N, C-alpha and C. Protein backbone atom coordinates (compact mmCIF):
# COMPACT_ATOMS: atom_id res chain seq x y z
N MET A 1 -12.00 -4.48 -15.18
CA MET A 1 -11.97 -3.40 -14.81
C MET A 1 -12.22 -4.05 -12.89
N GLY A 2 -11.10 -3.62 -12.12
CA GLY A 2 -11.23 -4.17 -10.50
C GLY A 2 -11.93 -2.94 -9.83
N ASP A 3 -12.12 -3.61 -8.62
CA ASP A 3 -12.49 -2.00 -7.73
C ASP A 3 -11.67 -2.27 -6.67
N CYS A 4 -11.56 -1.11 -5.99
CA CYS A 4 -10.58 -1.21 -4.75
C CYS A 4 -11.53 -0.28 -3.48
N ASP A 5 -10.58 -0.23 -2.43
CA ASP A 5 -11.07 0.37 -1.52
C ASP A 5 -10.58 1.71 -1.24
N PRO A 6 -11.29 3.35 -1.69
CA PRO A 6 -10.50 4.18 -1.45
C PRO A 6 -10.24 4.15 0.19
N TYR A 7 -10.57 4.03 1.00
CA TYR A 7 -10.19 4.58 2.47
C TYR A 7 -8.83 3.58 2.78
N ARG A 8 -8.69 2.43 2.08
CA ARG A 8 -7.61 1.60 1.94
C ARG A 8 -6.25 2.12 1.53
N LEU A 9 -6.83 2.69 0.23
CA LEU A 9 -5.68 3.77 -0.38
C LEU A 9 -5.34 4.56 0.57
N ILE A 10 -6.07 5.60 1.12
CA ILE A 10 -5.74 6.63 1.86
C ILE A 10 -5.01 6.00 3.14
N ASP A 11 -5.25 4.98 3.95
CA ASP A 11 -4.37 4.29 4.76
C ASP A 11 -2.89 3.98 4.23
N ASP A 12 -2.96 3.84 2.99
CA ASP A 12 -1.81 3.20 2.59
C ASP A 12 -0.76 4.53 1.91
N VAL A 13 -1.26 5.64 1.86
CA VAL A 13 -0.62 6.73 1.11
C VAL A 13 -0.16 7.35 2.36
N GLU A 14 -1.13 7.45 2.99
CA GLU A 14 -0.87 7.93 4.51
C GLU A 14 0.53 6.95 4.99
N THR A 15 0.70 5.84 5.28
CA THR A 15 1.78 4.97 5.45
C THR A 15 2.91 5.32 4.86
N LEU A 16 2.47 5.55 3.32
CA LEU A 16 4.44 6.01 2.46
C LEU A 16 4.85 7.18 2.69
N LEU A 17 3.87 7.92 3.27
CA LEU A 17 4.23 9.47 3.54
C LEU A 17 5.11 9.52 4.55
N THR A 18 4.59 8.75 5.53
CA THR A 18 5.48 8.78 6.82
C THR A 18 6.48 8.20 6.86
N GLU A 19 6.67 7.10 5.64
CA GLU A 19 8.17 5.97 5.30
C GLU A 19 9.11 6.94 4.56
N ARG A 20 8.29 7.85 3.95
CA ARG A 20 9.39 8.66 3.43
C ARG A 20 9.81 10.17 4.11
N GLY A 21 9.41 10.09 5.44
CA GLY A 21 9.86 10.93 6.40
C GLY A 21 8.83 12.30 6.65
N LEU A 22 7.83 12.15 5.71
CA LEU A 22 6.78 12.98 6.23
C LEU A 22 6.07 13.05 7.03
N SER A 23 5.04 13.91 7.72
CA SER A 23 4.43 13.63 8.73
C SER A 23 2.92 14.22 8.22
N PRO A 24 1.98 13.27 7.76
CA PRO A 24 1.07 13.67 7.33
C PRO A 24 -0.16 13.54 8.47
N THR A 25 -1.08 14.67 8.50
CA THR A 25 -2.33 14.65 9.47
C THR A 25 -3.23 14.36 8.92
N ARG A 26 -4.42 13.97 9.22
CA ARG A 26 -5.67 13.86 9.04
C ARG A 26 -6.64 15.36 9.48
N VAL A 27 -6.36 15.95 8.73
CA VAL A 27 -6.93 17.55 8.90
C VAL A 27 -8.90 17.34 9.35
N PRO A 28 -9.13 17.37 10.26
CA PRO A 28 -10.66 17.58 10.76
C PRO A 28 -11.62 18.18 9.72
N GLY A 29 -12.78 17.62 9.47
CA GLY A 29 -13.64 18.48 8.23
C GLY A 29 -13.17 18.10 6.67
N ARG A 30 -11.64 17.52 6.71
CA ARG A 30 -11.40 17.15 4.89
C ARG A 30 -11.29 15.56 4.98
N GLY A 31 -12.02 14.87 5.15
CA GLY A 31 -12.33 13.82 5.31
C GLY A 31 -12.79 13.56 3.67
N GLY A 32 -13.82 14.35 3.57
CA GLY A 32 -14.52 14.47 2.01
C GLY A 32 -13.34 14.45 1.01
N ASP A 33 -12.65 15.74 1.58
CA ASP A 33 -11.27 15.65 -0.11
C ASP A 33 -10.66 14.78 -0.13
N ARG A 34 -10.20 13.61 0.90
CA ARG A 34 -9.40 12.64 1.12
C ARG A 34 -9.83 11.65 0.34
N LEU A 35 -11.11 11.64 0.52
CA LEU A 35 -12.28 10.39 -0.07
C LEU A 35 -12.54 10.66 -1.79
N ALA A 36 -12.49 11.91 -2.16
CA ALA A 36 -12.71 12.41 -3.38
C ALA A 36 -11.69 11.92 -4.48
N GLY A 37 -10.43 12.52 -3.63
CA GLY A 37 -9.45 12.15 -4.20
C GLY A 37 -9.12 11.06 -4.37
N ALA A 38 -8.81 10.30 -3.44
CA ALA A 38 -8.49 8.60 -3.74
C ALA A 38 -9.24 8.32 -4.59
N SER A 39 -10.62 8.33 -4.69
CA SER A 39 -11.29 8.07 -5.68
C SER A 39 -11.28 8.23 -6.92
N ARG A 40 -10.67 9.75 -7.19
CA ARG A 40 -10.42 9.95 -8.79
C ARG A 40 -8.98 9.59 -9.03
N LEU A 41 -8.07 9.13 -8.02
CA LEU A 41 -6.99 8.26 -8.28
C LEU A 41 -7.58 7.19 -8.83
N LEU A 42 -8.04 6.33 -8.14
CA LEU A 42 -8.40 4.85 -8.89
C LEU A 42 -8.90 5.18 -10.01
N ARG A 43 -9.86 5.87 -10.18
CA ARG A 43 -10.70 5.87 -11.64
C ARG A 43 -9.76 6.14 -12.45
N GLY A 44 -8.81 7.10 -12.64
CA GLY A 44 -7.57 7.27 -13.41
C GLY A 44 -6.79 6.31 -13.73
N PHE A 45 -6.56 5.15 -13.21
CA PHE A 45 -5.82 4.07 -13.02
C PHE A 45 -6.71 2.61 -13.63
N GLY A 46 -8.30 3.34 -13.83
CA GLY A 46 -9.31 2.24 -14.91
C GLY A 46 -9.57 1.51 -13.39
N LEU A 47 -9.78 1.63 -12.16
CA LEU A 47 -10.14 0.81 -11.31
C LEU A 47 -11.53 1.63 -10.80
N GLU A 48 -12.69 0.94 -10.31
CA GLU A 48 -13.69 1.87 -9.59
C GLU A 48 -13.54 1.76 -8.16
N PRO A 49 -13.92 2.95 -7.75
CA PRO A 49 -13.41 3.12 -6.14
C PRO A 49 -15.09 1.96 -5.45
N ARG A 50 -14.56 1.28 -4.65
CA ARG A 50 -15.63 0.67 -3.67
C ARG A 50 -16.32 1.46 -2.90
N MET A 51 -17.75 1.55 -2.93
CA MET A 51 -18.71 2.41 -2.04
C MET A 51 -19.03 1.42 -1.30
N ALA A 52 -19.99 1.99 -0.08
CA ALA A 52 -21.08 1.67 0.75
C ALA A 52 -22.28 1.74 -0.14
N PRO A 53 -22.93 0.76 0.20
CA PRO A 53 -24.54 0.44 -0.62
C PRO A 53 -25.02 1.94 -0.76
N GLU A 54 -25.40 2.69 0.61
CA GLU A 54 -26.12 3.73 0.64
C GLU A 54 -25.41 5.04 -0.47
N ASP A 55 -24.20 4.82 -0.70
CA ASP A 55 -23.22 6.01 -1.25
C ASP A 55 -24.01 5.61 -3.00
N ALA A 56 -24.24 4.50 -3.05
CA ALA A 56 -24.56 4.16 -4.79
C ALA A 56 -25.71 4.56 -5.30
N PHE A 57 -26.72 4.51 -4.22
CA PHE A 57 -27.73 5.59 -4.92
C PHE A 57 -27.44 6.95 -5.20
N ASP A 58 -27.60 7.52 -6.16
CA ASP A 58 -27.68 8.93 -7.25
C ASP A 58 -29.10 9.50 -7.20
N VAL A 59 -29.75 9.38 -5.88
CA VAL A 59 -30.94 10.05 -6.46
C VAL A 59 -31.12 11.36 -5.41
N GLY A 60 -30.01 12.15 -4.91
CA GLY A 60 -30.29 13.40 -4.58
C GLY A 60 -30.30 13.86 -3.33
N VAL A 61 -30.95 12.79 -2.36
CA VAL A 61 -31.13 13.08 -0.95
C VAL A 61 -30.48 11.89 -0.41
N PRO A 62 -30.08 12.69 0.82
CA PRO A 62 -29.37 11.36 1.73
C PRO A 62 -30.14 10.38 1.66
N PHE A 63 -29.73 8.93 2.23
CA PHE A 63 -30.02 7.84 2.40
C PHE A 63 -30.38 7.56 3.67
N GLN A 64 -31.83 6.73 4.04
CA GLN A 64 -31.95 6.81 5.43
C GLN A 64 -31.68 5.19 5.66
N GLY A 65 -31.45 4.48 6.28
CA GLY A 65 -31.31 2.73 6.68
C GLY A 65 -32.58 2.64 6.96
N ARG A 66 -33.57 3.45 7.74
CA ARG A 66 -34.83 2.86 8.16
C ARG A 66 -35.94 3.56 7.40
N ILE A 67 -36.53 2.72 6.70
CA ILE A 67 -37.56 3.48 6.26
C ILE A 67 -38.81 3.74 7.29
N ASN A 68 -39.21 3.11 7.92
CA ASN A 68 -40.23 3.55 8.93
C ASN A 68 -39.49 4.14 10.31
N GLN A 69 -40.40 5.25 10.45
CA GLN A 69 -39.20 5.98 11.57
C GLN A 69 -40.13 5.98 12.87
N ASP A 70 -40.68 4.26 12.98
CA ASP A 70 -41.10 3.61 14.03
C ASP A 70 -40.18 3.67 15.08
């Protein structure tokens, strides 16, 4: 099982749609939908979507890069 960058898949799909004569636009506020769709497609092909380290934590709260608020 390999891993793949879902953001690259989004770019590749946008390019493919443009090459086929469509005019895809990245709707503001829908980035999460694009990322979830790309990640789900990759998993359907047996690939694990690559994640940023902070996204890999499943702690139920947003990750803060800084531990101390100094």
